[in-house]
Amino acid sequence: MSRFKAVFGDRKPVIAMVHLGASPGAPLHDAAAGVEGILAAARADLRALQAAGFDAVMFGNENDRPYELRVDTATSATMAYIIGRLRDEITVPFGVNVLWDPMSTFAVAAATGAAFVREIFTGTYASDMGIWAPEAGAAVRYAQRLGAGNVARLYNVSAEFADSLDRRPLPDRARSAVFSSIPDAVLVSGAITGEAARMEDLEAVKRALPATPVLANTGVKHATIADVLAVADGCIVGSALKHNGDTWAAVDPDRAADFMARARAARGGK
């Protein structure tokens, strides 16, 4: 809890995504625009999100489809370069998520000075990427060796694009992850990017973890933000802030501002 509060304070944080363009080597990479094109798009999104008043931003490589469980070195290098170029323009706490590789996520966090990370650290899943079995112990020890031991860790306990091979109920898996792997917050997701977590899952995990921050990780929309924050301790949002709600589009400044205004209203004006 202390690392979470150190980053986000006492409010329920609303964390906005900066979805980076596909990295060099990824099938969707725009070779004509190159890395400078990724930088320009990220800068525009960052400026729009900060102007809208979001509490924090998180840089992620959502466009690097098909996703990898051990990412290409070019992906980590590109993300570190982009964030490094933007570092002096970032005015809010920022985090990183290198899909779906905890080790690379911590490496980029250490290189860029990120305040928090999001990743699948625990569990075993049958996924679109194959059998998915991260090792939280190895990842957290790696963070310690990199000098990133104080980076806040946000654990996604209901992976997108996957089904858990652990048949325990989600609240039991979340409670066990907190006991065994010491996350700073637990995230509850929908089935894929942009799809909402079920409210009953969010409520059940929060009941199981009254002393641990529990955030909605995907699919929060303008119409649902008040209901989500009535249950959760914050949320992460990406697709709802884009033009026409399209995950792969640029951030729409008006949609972003409207979303954050609703979030502040739901938090009592904070």
Protein backbone atom coordinates (compact mmCIF):
# COMPACT_ATOMS: atom_id res chain seq x y z
CA MET A 1 0.00 0.00 0.00
CA SER A 2 2.83 2.44 0.79
CA ARG A 3 4.34 2.32 -2.71
CA PHE A 4 0.89 2.75 -4.28
CA LYS A 5 0.16 5.77 -2.09
CA ALA A 6 3.61 7.19 -2.72
CA VAL A 7 2.83 7.26 -6.44
CA PHE A 8 -0.88 8.09 -6.50
CA GLY A 9 -1.68 9.67 -3.14
CA ASP A 10 -5.01 9.07 -1.42
CA ARG A 11 -7.30 9.57 -4.42
CA LYS A 12 -8.60 6.81 -6.69
CA PRO A 13 -6.20 7.26 -9.62
CA VAL A 14 -7.33 7.33 -13.22
CA ILE A 15 -4.38 6.15 -15.32
CA ALA A 16 -4.48 6.86 -19.05
CA MET A 17 -2.74 4.77 -21.68
CA VAL A 18 -0.25 6.06 -24.23
CA HIS A 19 -0.43 3.27 -26.80
CA LEU A 20 2.80 3.33 -28.78
CA GLY A 21 2.89 2.50 -32.47
CA ALA A 22 4.27 -0.87 -33.51
CA SER A 23 7.98 -1.28 -32.85
CA PRO A 24 10.62 -2.01 -35.51
CA GLY A 25 10.48 -5.71 -36.28
CA ALA A 26 6.78 -6.02 -35.44
CA PRO A 27 4.47 -6.90 -38.36
CA LEU A 28 2.45 -3.67 -38.02
CA HIS A 29 5.45 -1.35 -37.83
CA ASP A 30 5.18 1.65 -40.15
CA ALA A 31 8.61 1.65 -41.73
CA ALA A 32 7.91 4.83 -43.68
CA ALA A 33 7.13 6.82 -40.51
CA GLY A 34 9.83 5.02 -38.55
CA VAL A 35 10.61 5.49 -34.88
CA GLU A 36 10.22 9.26 -35.18
CA GLY A 37 6.63 8.66 -36.28
CA ILE A 38 6.01 6.60 -33.13
CA LEU A 39 7.50 9.45 -31.09
CA ALA A 40 5.34 12.12 -32.73
CA ALA A 41 2.12 10.16 -32.14
CA ALA A 42 3.07 9.40 -28.53
CA ARG A 43 3.87 13.07 -27.89
CA ALA A 44 0.45 14.15 -29.22
CA ASP A 45 -1.36 11.58 -27.05
CA LEU A 46 0.69 12.49 -23.97
CA ARG A 47 -0.06 16.19 -24.35
CA ALA A 48 -3.77 15.55 -24.78
CA LEU A 49 -3.95 13.29 -21.73
CA GLN A 50 -2.01 15.66 -19.50
CA ALA A 51 -4.14 18.60 -20.63
CA ALA A 52 -7.24 16.57 -19.71
CA GLY A 53 -5.93 16.20 -16.15
CA PHE A 54 -5.33 12.46 -15.82
CA ASP A 55 -3.59 11.40 -12.61
CA ALA A 56 -0.96 9.31 -14.37
CA VAL A 57 -0.07 7.86 -17.76
CA MET A 58 1.24 4.47 -18.78
CA PHE A 59 3.23 3.66 -21.91
CA GLY A 60 2.40 0.33 -23.54
CA ASN A 61 3.19 -1.48 -26.78
CA GLU A 62 -0.38 -2.52 -27.61
CA ASN A 63 0.33 -2.27 -31.33
CA ASP A 64 3.05 -4.95 -31.26
CA ARG A 65 0.68 -7.67 -32.39
CA PRO A 66 0.96 -10.64 -32.41
CA TYR A 67 2.17 -10.33 -28.86
CA GLU A 68 5.24 -12.07 -27.45
CA LEU A 69 5.90 -13.58 -24.04
CA ARG A 70 9.60 -12.71 -24.38
CA VAL A 71 9.82 -9.56 -26.43
CA ASP A 72 12.32 -8.70 -29.12
CA THR A 73 15.14 -6.52 -27.80
CA ALA A 74 14.12 -3.91 -30.39
CA THR A 75 10.79 -3.51 -28.60
CA SER A 76 12.36 -2.69 -25.23
CA ALA A 77 14.93 -0.42 -26.87
CA THR A 78 12.28 1.46 -28.83
CA MET A 79 10.06 1.96 -25.79
CA ALA A 80 12.98 3.22 -23.70
CA TYR A 81 14.01 5.59 -26.50
CA ILE A 82 10.49 7.02 -26.91
CA ILE A 83 9.95 7.51 -23.18
CA GLY A 84 13.42 8.99 -22.81
CA ARG A 85 12.71 11.53 -25.55
CA LEU A 86 9.45 12.49 -23.82
CA ARG A 87 10.77 12.38 -20.27
CA ASP A 88 11.13 16.16 -19.83
CA GLU A 89 7.54 16.67 -21.05
CA ILE A 90 5.93 14.24 -18.61
CA THR A 91 4.32 16.12 -15.73
CA VAL A 92 2.49 13.26 -13.99
CA PRO A 93 3.62 9.89 -12.61
CA PHE A 94 4.19 7.42 -15.43
CA GLY A 95 4.36 3.67 -15.76
CA VAL A 96 5.31 1.10 -18.37
CA ASN A 97 3.92 -2.21 -19.61
CA VAL A 98 5.88 -4.27 -22.14
CA LEU A 99 3.40 -6.89 -23.33
CA TRP A 100 3.72 -9.60 -22.06
CA ASP A 101 7.17 -9.74 -20.58
CA PRO A 102 7.73 -8.91 -16.89
CA MET A 103 11.52 -8.85 -17.21
CA SER A 104 11.48 -6.39 -20.09
CA THR A 105 8.86 -4.31 -18.30
CA PHE A 106 11.16 -3.88 -15.31
CA ALA A 107 14.14 -3.22 -17.59
CA VAL A 108 12.32 -0.37 -19.35
CA ALA A 109 11.05 0.95 -16.01
CA ALA A 110 14.58 1.02 -14.62
CA ALA A 111 15.99 2.70 -17.73
CA THR A 112 13.33 5.42 -17.86
CA GLY A 113 12.62 6.12 -14.19
CA ALA A 114 9.03 4.87 -14.30
CA ALA A 115 7.10 5.03 -11.04
CA PHE A 116 5.01 1.90 -11.63
CA VAL A 117 4.61 -1.14 -13.87
CA ARG A 118 1.67 -3.25 -15.00
CA GLU A 119 2.06 -6.88 -16.03
CA ILE A 120 0.90 -10.46 -15.66
CA PHE A 121 3.26 -11.64 -12.93
CA THR A 122 1.43 -14.67 -11.52
CA GLY A 123 -0.63 -17.62 -12.69
CA THR A 124 -0.61 -20.02 -15.63
CA TYR A 125 -2.77 -19.41 -18.70
CA ALA A 126 -3.78 -20.96 -21.99
CA SER A 127 -3.43 -17.92 -24.24
CA ASP A 128 -3.30 -16.72 -27.83
CA MET A 129 0.49 -16.63 -27.35
CA GLY A 130 0.70 -20.23 -26.10
CA ILE A 131 1.11 -21.47 -22.56
CA TRP A 132 1.74 -18.44 -20.39
CA ALA A 133 3.59 -19.02 -17.13
CA PRO A 134 5.31 -15.90 -15.74
CA GLU A 135 7.56 -16.10 -12.70
CA ALA A 136 6.90 -13.30 -10.23
CA GLY A 137 9.80 -14.31 -8.02
CA ALA A 138 12.32 -14.04 -10.83
CA ALA A 139 10.87 -10.75 -12.10
CA VAL A 140 10.82 -9.04 -8.70
CA ARG A 141 14.38 -10.18 -7.95
CA TYR A 142 15.43 -8.84 -11.34
CA ALA A 143 13.87 -5.48 -10.43
CA GLN A 144 15.89 -5.45 -7.22
CA ARG A 145 19.11 -6.08 -9.15
CA LEU A 146 18.28 -3.22 -11.53
CA GLY A 147 17.67 -0.80 -8.69
CA ALA A 148 13.93 -0.75 -9.47
CA GLY A 149 12.79 -2.36 -6.24
CA ASN A 150 10.74 0.70 -5.28
CA VAL A 151 8.74 0.74 -8.52
CA ALA A 152 5.08 0.11 -7.68
CA ARG A 153 3.84 -3.21 -9.08
CA LEU A 154 0.32 -3.50 -10.50
CA TYR A 155 -0.57 -7.17 -10.95
CA ASN A 156 -3.14 -8.10 -13.57
CA VAL A 157 -4.78 -11.25 -12.18
CA SER A 158 -7.27 -11.90 -15.01
CA ALA A 159 -5.23 -11.89 -18.20
CA GLU A 160 -6.63 -10.66 -21.49
CA PHE A 161 -6.40 -12.99 -24.50
CA ALA A 162 -6.21 -15.97 -22.15
CA ASP A 163 -7.99 -18.31 -19.77
CA SER A 164 -6.48 -19.29 -16.44
CA LEU A 165 -5.51 -22.93 -16.06
CA ASP A 166 -5.88 -22.42 -12.31
CA ARG A 167 -9.52 -23.29 -11.64
CA ARG A 168 -9.72 -21.52 -8.29
CA PRO A 169 -12.23 -18.67 -8.29
CA LEU A 170 -10.77 -15.31 -9.30
CA PRO A 171 -11.01 -13.81 -5.77
CA ASP A 172 -9.05 -16.76 -4.37
CA ARG A 173 -6.35 -16.38 -7.03
CA ALA A 174 -6.14 -12.66 -6.33
CA ARG A 175 -5.90 -13.19 -2.57
CA SER A 176 -3.20 -15.82 -3.06
CA ALA A 177 -1.21 -13.53 -5.39
CA VAL A 178 -1.23 -10.81 -2.75
CA PHE A 179 -0.04 -13.23 -0.07
CA SER A 180 2.69 -14.88 -2.15
CA SER A 181 3.90 -12.16 -4.50
CA ILE A 182 3.38 -8.83 -2.66
CA PRO A 183 1.86 -6.62 -5.38
CA ASP A 184 1.07 -2.98 -4.68
CA ALA A 185 -2.28 -3.22 -6.46
CA VAL A 186 -4.39 -5.87 -8.18
CA LEU A 187 -6.02 -5.32 -11.58
CA VAL A 188 -9.18 -6.97 -12.89
CA SER A 189 -9.58 -7.21 -16.68
CA GLY A 190 -12.04 -8.13 -19.38
CA ALA A 191 -11.45 -10.76 -22.04
CA ILE A 192 -9.49 -8.51 -24.42
CA THR A 193 -8.22 -4.93 -24.65
CA GLY A 194 -11.14 -2.49 -24.55
CA GLU A 195 -13.62 -4.96 -23.05
CA ALA A 196 -14.85 -4.28 -19.52
CA ALA A 197 -14.19 -6.48 -16.53
CA ARG A 198 -17.42 -7.87 -15.15
CA MET A 199 -18.65 -5.75 -12.27
CA GLU A 200 -19.31 -8.90 -10.25
CA ASP A 201 -15.63 -9.88 -10.66
CA LEU A 202 -14.48 -6.44 -9.60
CA GLU A 203 -16.78 -6.51 -6.57
CA ALA A 204 -15.74 -10.03 -5.58
CA VAL A 205 -12.01 -9.29 -5.78
CA LYS A 206 -12.44 -6.09 -3.77
CA ARG A 207 -14.37 -7.98 -1.08
CA ALA A 208 -11.55 -10.51 -0.92
CA LEU A 209 -8.88 -7.77 -0.72
CA PRO A 210 -10.26 -4.94 1.42
CA ALA A 211 -6.77 -3.68 2.32
CA THR A 212 -5.24 -3.90 -1.18
CA PRO A 213 -5.93 -1.40 -3.99
CA VAL A 214 -8.05 -3.08 -6.68
CA LEU A 215 -8.33 -1.33 -10.05
CA ALA A 216 -10.42 -1.91 -13.16
CA ASN A 217 -7.91 -2.59 -15.91
CA THR A 218 -9.86 -2.62 -19.19
CA GLY A 219 -13.01 -1.39 -20.85
CA VAL A 220 -13.93 1.50 -18.54
CA LYS A 221 -16.10 3.95 -20.48
CA HIS A 222 -17.64 7.37 -20.02
CA ALA A 223 -20.97 5.81 -19.09
CA THR A 224 -19.47 3.42 -16.54
CA ILE A 225 -16.71 5.38 -14.81
CA ALA A 226 -18.91 6.44 -11.89
CA ASP A 227 -20.08 2.86 -11.25
CA VAL A 228 -16.52 1.53 -11.52
CA LEU A 229 -15.09 4.05 -9.06
CA ALA A 230 -17.90 3.29 -6.61
CA VAL A 231 -16.36 -0.20 -6.29
CA ALA A 232 -12.74 0.02 -7.42
CA ASP A 233 -9.79 1.96 -6.05
CA GLY A 234 -9.01 3.43 -9.46
CA CYS A 235 -8.87 2.42 -13.11
CA ILE A 236 -6.75 2.26 -16.24
CA VAL A 237 -8.31 3.57 -19.45
CA GLY A 238 -7.22 3.64 -23.07
CA SER A 239 -9.75 2.85 -25.79
CA ALA A 240 -12.52 5.10 -24.44
CA LEU A 241 -10.25 8.14 -24.87
CA LYS A 242 -9.58 7.55 -28.56
CA HIS A 243 -11.41 8.96 -31.57
CA ASN A 244 -14.67 7.00 -31.88
CA GLY A 245 -13.53 4.79 -29.01
CA ASP A 246 -11.18 2.95 -31.39
CA THR A 247 -8.24 1.37 -29.53
CA TRP A 248 -5.90 1.92 -32.48
CA ALA A 249 -6.78 5.59 -33.09
CA ALA A 250 -5.17 8.68 -31.59
CA VAL A 251 -6.40 10.20 -28.33
CA ASP A 252 -9.36 12.53 -28.84
CA PRO A 253 -8.73 15.55 -26.58
CA ASP A 254 -12.46 16.22 -26.13
CA ARG A 255 -13.26 12.62 -25.21
CA ALA A 256 -10.31 12.56 -22.82
CA ALA A 257 -11.37 15.79 -21.10
CA ASP A 258 -14.97 14.61 -20.80
CA PHE A 259 -13.88 11.28 -19.31
CA MET A 260 -11.70 12.90 -16.68
CA ALA A 261 -14.43 15.42 -15.81
CA ARG A 262 -16.77 12.51 -15.12
CA ALA A 263 -14.10 10.75 -13.08
CA ARG A 264 -13.55 13.83 -10.94
CA ALA A 265 -17.29 14.15 -10.39
CA ALA A 266 -17.43 10.50 -9.33
CA ARG A 267 -14.60 11.20 -6.85
CA GLY A 268 -16.47 14.12 -5.34
CA GLY A 269 -14.64 16.77 -7.33
CA LYS A 270 -11.12 15.58 -6.53
